[in-house]
């Protein structure tokens, strides 16, 4: 249970870091969506130790490769 809480804390920290890094080009909602999409791709992975690192890399890639929504 502590591992799940630690992972959730790490994911929240990733959202904050990426929101700060992409504040000029993406809304917080877009950052949260990118992180959620990346995190969901690791749902069924049994080894969780490196999930936050992989989530951050994947979310950063999503944000770098997709322009901000103009809506």
PDB file of N, CA and C in Angstrom:
ATOM      1  N   UNK A   1       0.817  -1.191   0.000  1.00  0.00           N
ATOM      2  CA  UNK A   1       0.000   0.000   0.000  1.00  0.00           C
ATOM      3  C   UNK A   1       0.867   1.265   0.000  1.00  0.00           C
ATOM      4  N   UNK A   2       1.994   1.214   0.682  1.00  0.00           N
ATOM      5  CA  UNK A   2       2.895   2.367   0.713  1.00  0.00           C
ATOM      6  C   UNK A   2       3.477   2.639  -0.671  1.00  0.00           C
ATOM      7  N   UNK A   3       3.716   1.573  -1.431  1.00  0.00           N
ATOM      8  CA  UNK A   3       4.251   1.744  -2.781  1.00  0.00           C
ATOM      9  C   UNK A   3       3.259   2.472  -3.679  1.00  0.00           C
ATOM     10  N   UNK A   4       1.983   2.161  -3.538  1.00  0.00           N
ATOM     11  CA  UNK A   4       0.944   2.818  -4.330  1.00  0.00           C
ATOM     12  C   UNK A   4       0.881   4.304  -3.974  1.00  0.00           C
ATOM     13  N   UNK A   5       0.959   4.626  -2.700  1.00  0.00           N
ATOM     14  CA  UNK A   5       0.943   6.026  -2.269  1.00  0.00           C
ATOM     15  C   UNK A   5       2.176   6.766  -2.775  1.00  0.00           C
ATOM     16  N   UNK A   6       3.307   6.104  -2.742  1.00  0.00           N
ATOM     17  CA  UNK A   6       4.550   6.708  -3.227  1.00  0.00           C
ATOM     18  C   UNK A   6       4.449   6.986  -4.727  1.00  0.00           C
ATOM     19  N   UNK A   7       3.871   6.038  -5.473  1.00  0.00           N
ATOM     20  CA  UNK A   7       3.694   6.234  -6.909  1.00  0.00           C
ATOM     21  C   UNK A   7       2.728   7.391  -7.183  1.00  0.00           C
ATOM     22  N   UNK A   8       1.631   7.458  -6.443  1.00  0.00           N
ATOM     23  CA  UNK A   8       0.666   8.547  -6.622  1.00  0.00           C
ATOM     24  C   UNK A   8       1.308   9.903  -6.327  1.00  0.00           C
ATOM     25  N   UNK A   9       2.127   9.970  -5.284  1.00  0.00           N
ATOM     26  CA  UNK A   9       2.851  11.207  -4.967  1.00  0.00           C
ATOM     27  C   UNK A   9       3.795  11.586  -6.101  1.00  0.00           C
ATOM     28  N   UNK A  10       4.473  10.596  -6.649  1.00  0.00           N
ATOM     29  CA  UNK A  10       5.405  10.852  -7.753  1.00  0.00           C
ATOM     30  C   UNK A  10       4.654  11.357  -8.983  1.00  0.00           C
ATOM     31  N   UNK A  11       3.490  10.803  -9.258  1.00  0.00           N
ATOM     32  CA  UNK A  11       2.697  11.233 -10.405  1.00  0.00           C
ATOM     33  C   UNK A  11       2.229  12.673 -10.214  1.00  0.00           C
ATOM     34  N   UNK A  12       1.803  13.017  -9.017  1.00  0.00           N
ATOM     35  CA  UNK A  12       1.409  14.415  -8.732  1.00  0.00           C
ATOM     36  C   UNK A  12       2.594  15.361  -8.935  1.00  0.00           C
ATOM     37  N   UNK A  13       3.774  14.939  -8.513  1.00  0.00           N
ATOM     38  CA  UNK A  13       4.973  15.765  -8.685  1.00  0.00           C
ATOM     39  C   UNK A  13       5.305  15.924 -10.167  1.00  0.00           C
ATOM     40  N   UNK A  14       5.084  14.881 -10.943  1.00  0.00           N
ATOM     41  CA  UNK A  14       5.316  14.958 -12.387  1.00  0.00           C
ATOM     42  C   UNK A  14       4.383  15.985 -13.013  1.00  0.00           C
ATOM     43  N   UNK A  15       3.125  15.953 -12.621  1.00  0.00           N
ATOM     44  CA  UNK A  15       2.167  16.937 -13.143  1.00  0.00           C
ATOM     45  C   UNK A  15       2.663  18.347 -12.847  1.00  0.00           C
ATOM     46  N   UNK A  16       3.121  18.577 -11.637  1.00  0.00           N
ATOM     47  CA  UNK A  16       3.613  19.913 -11.266  1.00  0.00           C
ATOM     48  C   UNK A  16       4.838  20.306 -12.096  1.00  0.00           C
ATOM     49  N   UNK A  17       5.793  19.392 -12.221  1.00  0.00           N
ATOM     50  CA  UNK A  17       7.006  19.691 -12.996  1.00  0.00           C
ATOM     51  C   UNK A  17       6.682  19.994 -14.451  1.00  0.00           C
ATOM     52  N   UNK A  18       5.861  19.149 -15.049  1.00  0.00           N
ATOM     53  CA  UNK A  18       5.529  19.352 -16.452  1.00  0.00           C
ATOM     54  C   UNK A  18       4.648  20.576 -16.652  1.00  0.00           C
ATOM     55  N   UNK A  19       3.774  20.849 -15.705  1.00  0.00           N
ATOM     56  CA  UNK A  19       2.963  22.055 -15.797  1.00  0.00           C
ATOM     57  C   UNK A  19       3.863  23.286 -15.781  1.00  0.00           C
ATOM     58  N   UNK A  20       4.860  23.301 -14.935  1.00  0.00           N
ATOM     59  CA  UNK A  20       5.807  24.423 -14.895  1.00  0.00           C
ATOM     60  C   UNK A  20       6.629  24.503 -16.180  1.00  0.00           C
ATOM     61  N   UNK A  21       7.024  23.359 -16.707  1.00  0.00           N
ATOM     62  CA  UNK A  21       7.854  23.335 -17.912  1.00  0.00           C
ATOM     63  C   UNK A  21       7.077  23.722 -19.168  1.00  0.00           C
ATOM     64  N   UNK A  22       5.791  23.422 -19.199  1.00  0.00           N
ATOM     65  CA  UNK A  22       4.994  23.648 -20.406  1.00  0.00           C
ATOM     66  C   UNK A  22       3.931  24.722 -20.228  1.00  0.00           C
ATOM     67  N   UNK A  23       4.063  25.539 -19.208  1.00  0.00           N
ATOM     68  CA  UNK A  23       3.033  26.539 -18.915  1.00  0.00           C
ATOM     69  C   UNK A  23       2.808  27.505 -20.070  1.00  0.00           C
ATOM     70  N   UNK A  24       3.824  27.768 -20.868  1.00  0.00           N
ATOM     71  CA  UNK A  24       3.680  28.705 -21.987  1.00  0.00           C
ATOM     72  C   UNK A  24       2.988  28.077 -23.191  1.00  0.00           C
ATOM     73  N   UNK A  25       2.970  26.768 -23.262  1.00  0.00           N
ATOM     74  CA  UNK A  25       2.431  26.121 -24.467  1.00  0.00           C
ATOM     75  C   UNK A  25       1.241  25.208 -24.227  1.00  0.00           C
ATOM     76  N   UNK A  26       1.036  24.769 -22.996  1.00  0.00           N
ATOM     77  CA  UNK A  26      -0.043  23.823 -22.707  1.00  0.00           C
ATOM     78  C   UNK A  26      -0.748  24.198 -21.410  1.00  0.00           C
ATOM     79  N   UNK A  27      -2.054  23.975 -21.396  1.00  0.00           N
ATOM     80  CA  UNK A  27      -2.824  24.224 -20.180  1.00  0.00           C
ATOM     81  C   UNK A  27      -2.551  23.114 -19.169  1.00  0.00           C
ATOM     82  N   UNK A  28      -2.903  23.370 -17.925  1.00  0.00           N
ATOM     83  CA  UNK A  28      -2.745  22.349 -16.887  1.00  0.00           C
ATOM     84  C   UNK A  28      -3.560  21.108 -17.246  1.00  0.00           C
ATOM     85  N   UNK A  29      -4.741  21.305 -17.808  1.00  0.00           N
ATOM     86  CA  UNK A  29      -5.585  20.174 -18.187  1.00  0.00           C
ATOM     87  C   UNK A  29      -4.896  19.303 -19.240  1.00  0.00           C
ATOM     88  N   UNK A  30      -4.207  19.926 -20.181  1.00  0.00           N
ATOM     89  CA  UNK A  30      -3.481  19.171 -21.200  1.00  0.00           C
ATOM     90  C   UNK A  30      -2.327  18.388 -20.580  1.00  0.00           C
ATOM     91  N   UNK A  31      -1.638  19.014 -19.635  1.00  0.00           N
ATOM     92  CA  UNK A  31      -0.544  18.332 -18.939  1.00  0.00           C
ATOM     93  C   UNK A  31      -1.096  17.145 -18.155  1.00  0.00           C
ATOM     94  N   UNK A  32      -2.170  17.365 -17.422  1.00  0.00           N
ATOM     95  CA  UNK A  32      -2.775  16.283 -16.644  1.00  0.00           C
ATOM     96  C   UNK A  32      -3.231  15.143 -17.552  1.00  0.00           C
ATOM     97  N   UNK A  33      -3.799  15.480 -18.708  1.00  0.00           N
ATOM     98  CA  UNK A  33      -4.258  14.457 -19.652  1.00  0.00           C
ATOM     99  C   UNK A  33      -3.075  13.655 -20.201  1.00  0.00           C
ATOM    100  N   UNK A  34      -1.983  14.332 -20.516  1.00  0.00           N
ATOM    101  CA  UNK A  34      -0.795  13.639 -21.026  1.00  0.00           C
ATOM    102  C   UNK A  34      -0.223  12.695 -19.971  1.00  0.00           C
ATOM    103  N   UNK A  35      -0.167  13.149 -18.736  1.00  0.00           N
ATOM    104  CA  UNK A  35       0.343  12.309 -17.647  1.00  0.00           C
ATOM    105  C   UNK A  35      -0.593  11.130 -17.409  1.00  0.00           C
ATOM    106  N   UNK A  36      -1.894  11.385 -17.425  1.00  0.00           N
ATOM    107  CA  UNK A  36      -2.864  10.303 -17.222  1.00  0.00           C
ATOM    108  C   UNK A  36      -2.767   9.262 -18.334  1.00  0.00           C
ATOM    109  N   UNK A  37      -2.621   9.722 -19.566  1.00  0.00           N
ATOM    110  CA  UNK A  37      -2.488   8.800 -20.704  1.00  0.00           C
ATOM    111  C   UNK A  37      -1.224   7.953 -20.554  1.00  0.00           C
ATOM    112  N   UNK A  38      -0.128   8.606 -20.223  1.00  0.00           N
ATOM    113  CA  UNK A  38       1.135   7.885 -20.043  1.00  0.00           C
ATOM    114  C   UNK A  38       1.030   6.890 -18.890  1.00  0.00           C
ATOM    115  N   UNK A  39       0.452   7.323 -17.779  1.00  0.00           N
ATOM    116  CA  UNK A  39       0.335   6.468 -16.599  1.00  0.00           C
ATOM    117  C   UNK A  39      -0.552   5.262 -16.903  1.00  0.00           C
ATOM    118  N   UNK A  40      -1.625   5.468 -17.643  1.00  0.00           N
ATOM    119  CA  UNK A  40      -2.539   4.378 -17.980  1.00  0.00           C
ATOM    120  C   UNK A  40      -1.849   3.299 -18.812  1.00  0.00           C
ATOM    121  N   UNK A  41      -0.855   3.693 -19.579  1.00  0.00           N
ATOM    122  CA  UNK A  41      -0.174   2.706 -20.420  1.00  0.00           C
ATOM    123  C   UNK A  41       0.658   1.715 -19.604  1.00  0.00           C
ATOM    124  N   UNK A  42       0.845   1.994 -18.332  1.00  0.00           N
ATOM    125  CA  UNK A  42       1.623   1.106 -17.462  1.00  0.00           C
ATOM    126  C   UNK A  42       0.757   0.404 -16.416  1.00  0.00           C
ATOM    127  N   UNK A  43      -0.551   0.467 -16.561  1.00  0.00           N
ATOM    128  CA  UNK A  43      -1.478  -0.077 -15.567  1.00  0.00           C
ATOM    129  C   UNK A  43      -1.224  -1.541 -15.238  1.00  0.00           C
ATOM    130  N   UNK A  44      -1.022  -2.352 -16.243  1.00  0.00           N
ATOM    131  CA  UNK A  44      -0.889  -3.791 -16.022  1.00  0.00           C
ATOM    132  C   UNK A  44       0.539  -4.267 -15.817  1.00  0.00           C
ATOM    133  N   UNK A  45       1.449  -3.363 -15.657  1.00  0.00           N
ATOM    134  CA  UNK A  45       2.849  -3.748 -15.467  1.00  0.00           C
ATOM    135  C   UNK A  45       3.081  -4.140 -14.012  1.00  0.00           C
ATOM    136  N   UNK A  46       3.621  -5.328 -13.772  1.00  0.00           N
ATOM    137  CA  UNK A  46       3.790  -5.782 -12.393  1.00  0.00           C
ATOM    138  C   UNK A  46       4.915  -5.062 -11.639  1.00  0.00           C
ATOM    139  N   UNK A  47       5.952  -4.672 -12.327  1.00  0.00           N
ATOM    140  CA  UNK A  47       7.066  -3.972 -11.673  1.00  0.00           C
ATOM    141  C   UNK A  47       6.778  -2.476 -11.743  1.00  0.00           C
ATOM    142  N   UNK A  48       6.627  -1.853 -10.594  1.00  0.00           N
ATOM    143  CA  UNK A  48       6.170  -0.470 -10.516  1.00  0.00           C
ATOM    144  C   UNK A  48       7.292   0.522 -10.209  1.00  0.00           C
ATOM    145  N   UNK A  49       8.464   0.033  -9.884  1.00  0.00           N
ATOM    146  CA  UNK A  49       9.557   0.875  -9.397  1.00  0.00           C
ATOM    147  C   UNK A  49       9.915   2.022 -10.338  1.00  0.00           C
ATOM    148  N   UNK A  50       9.918   1.770 -11.641  1.00  0.00           N
ATOM    149  CA  UNK A  50      10.351   2.781 -12.597  1.00  0.00           C
ATOM    150  C   UNK A  50       9.194   3.455 -13.331  1.00  0.00           C
ATOM    151  N   UNK A  51       7.980   3.146 -12.946  1.00  0.00           N
ATOM    152  CA  UNK A  51       6.816   3.713 -13.629  1.00  0.00           C
ATOM    153  C   UNK A  51       6.837   5.243 -13.630  1.00  0.00           C
ATOM    154  N   UNK A  52       7.092   5.920 -12.519  1.00  0.00           N
ATOM    155  CA  UNK A  52       7.090   7.396 -12.570  1.00  0.00           C
ATOM    156  C   UNK A  52       8.095   7.967 -13.570  1.00  0.00           C
ATOM    157  N   UNK A  53       9.269   7.402 -13.653  1.00  0.00           N
ATOM    158  CA  UNK A  53      10.272   7.886 -14.608  1.00  0.00           C
ATOM    159  C   UNK A  53       9.766   7.698 -16.030  1.00  0.00           C
ATOM    160  N   UNK A  54       9.221   6.536 -16.300  1.00  0.00           N
ATOM    161  CA  UNK A  54       8.717   6.236 -17.637  1.00  0.00           C
ATOM    162  C   UNK A  54       7.510   7.097 -17.983  1.00  0.00           C
ATOM    163  N   UNK A  55       6.646   7.341 -17.014  1.00  0.00           N
ATOM    164  CA  UNK A  55       5.479   8.204 -17.224  1.00  0.00           C
ATOM    165  C   UNK A  55       5.931   9.609 -17.580  1.00  0.00           C
ATOM    166  N   UNK A  56       6.895  10.135 -16.846  1.00  0.00           N
ATOM    167  CA  UNK A  56       7.352  11.495 -17.131  1.00  0.00           C
ATOM    168  C   UNK A  56       7.943  11.596 -18.532  1.00  0.00           C
ATOM    169  N   UNK A  57       8.748  10.632 -18.905  1.00  0.00           N
ATOM    170  CA  UNK A  57       9.338  10.654 -20.258  1.00  0.00           C
ATOM    171  C   UNK A  57       8.259  10.594 -21.334  1.00  0.00           C
ATOM    172  N   UNK A  58       7.302   9.706 -21.149  1.00  0.00           N
ATOM    173  CA  UNK A  58       6.252   9.549 -22.155  1.00  0.00           C
ATOM    174  C   UNK A  58       5.360  10.788 -22.204  1.00  0.00           C
ATOM    175  N   UNK A  59       4.993  11.334 -21.072  1.00  0.00           N
ATOM    176  CA  UNK A  59       4.145  12.532 -21.043  1.00  0.00           C
ATOM    177  C   UNK A  59       4.874  13.724 -21.660  1.00  0.00           C
ATOM    178  N   UNK A  60       6.146  13.867 -21.366  1.00  0.00           N
ATOM    179  CA  UNK A  60       6.943  14.948 -21.955  1.00  0.00           C
ATOM    180  C   UNK A  60       6.979  14.804 -23.484  1.00  0.00           C
ATOM    181  N   UNK A  61       7.112  13.586 -23.961  1.00  0.00           N
ATOM    182  CA  UNK A  61       7.104  13.335 -25.397  1.00  0.00           C
ATOM    183  C   UNK A  61       5.748  13.701 -26.010  1.00  0.00           C
ATOM    184  N   UNK A  62       4.684  13.327 -25.352  1.00  0.00           N
ATOM    185  CA  UNK A  62       3.340  13.671 -25.830  1.00  0.00           C
ATOM    186  C   UNK A  62       3.208  15.180 -25.938  1.00  0.00           C
ATOM    187  N   UNK A  63       3.622  15.899 -24.919  1.00  0.00           N
ATOM    188  CA  UNK A  63       3.482  17.359 -24.903  1.00  0.00           C
ATOM    189  C   UNK A  63       4.389  18.029 -25.935  1.00  0.00           C
ATOM    190  N   UNK A  64       5.581  17.491 -26.123  1.00  0.00           N
ATOM    191  CA  UNK A  64       6.495  18.064 -27.120  1.00  0.00           C
ATOM    192  C   UNK A  64       6.017  17.836 -28.541  1.00  0.00           C
ATOM    193  N   UNK A  65       5.313  16.746 -28.775  1.00  0.00           N
ATOM    194  CA  UNK A  65       4.909  16.384 -30.123  1.00  0.00           C
ATOM    195  C   UNK A  65       3.504  16.803 -30.501  1.00  0.00           C
ATOM    196  N   UNK A  66       2.772  17.397 -29.574  1.00  0.00           N
ATOM    197  CA  UNK A  66       1.410  17.831 -29.874  1.00  0.00           C
ATOM    198  C   UNK A  66       1.244  19.295 -29.484  1.00  0.00           C
ATOM    199  N   UNK A  67       0.885  20.117 -30.430  1.00  0.00           N
ATOM    200  CA  UNK A  67       0.668  21.527 -30.110  1.00  0.00           C
ATOM    201  C   UNK A  67      -0.515  21.703 -29.167  1.00  0.00           C
ATOM    202  N   UNK A  68      -0.515  22.808 -28.481  1.00  0.00           N
ATOM    203  CA  UNK A  68      -1.595  23.102 -27.538  1.00  0.00           C
ATOM    204  C   UNK A  68      -2.918  23.232 -28.269  1.00  0.00           C
ATOM    205  N   UNK A  69      -3.990  22.833 -27.588  1.00  0.00           N
ATOM    206  CA  UNK A  69      -5.327  23.031 -28.147  1.00  0.00           C
ATOM    207  C   UNK A  69      -5.648  24.510 -28.130  1.00  0.00           C
ATOM    208  N   UNK A  70      -6.246  24.979 -29.214  1.00  0.00           N
ATOM    209  CA  UNK A  70      -6.612  26.398 -29.290  1.00  0.00           C
ATOM    210  C   UNK A  70      -8.054  26.644 -28.868  1.00  0.00           C
ATOM    211  N   UNK A  71      -8.722  25.603 -28.434  1.00  0.00           N
ATOM    212  CA  UNK A  71     -10.137  25.737 -28.059  1.00  0.00           C
ATOM    213  C   UNK A  71     -10.305  26.456 -26.757  1.00  0.00           C
TER     214      UNK A  71
END
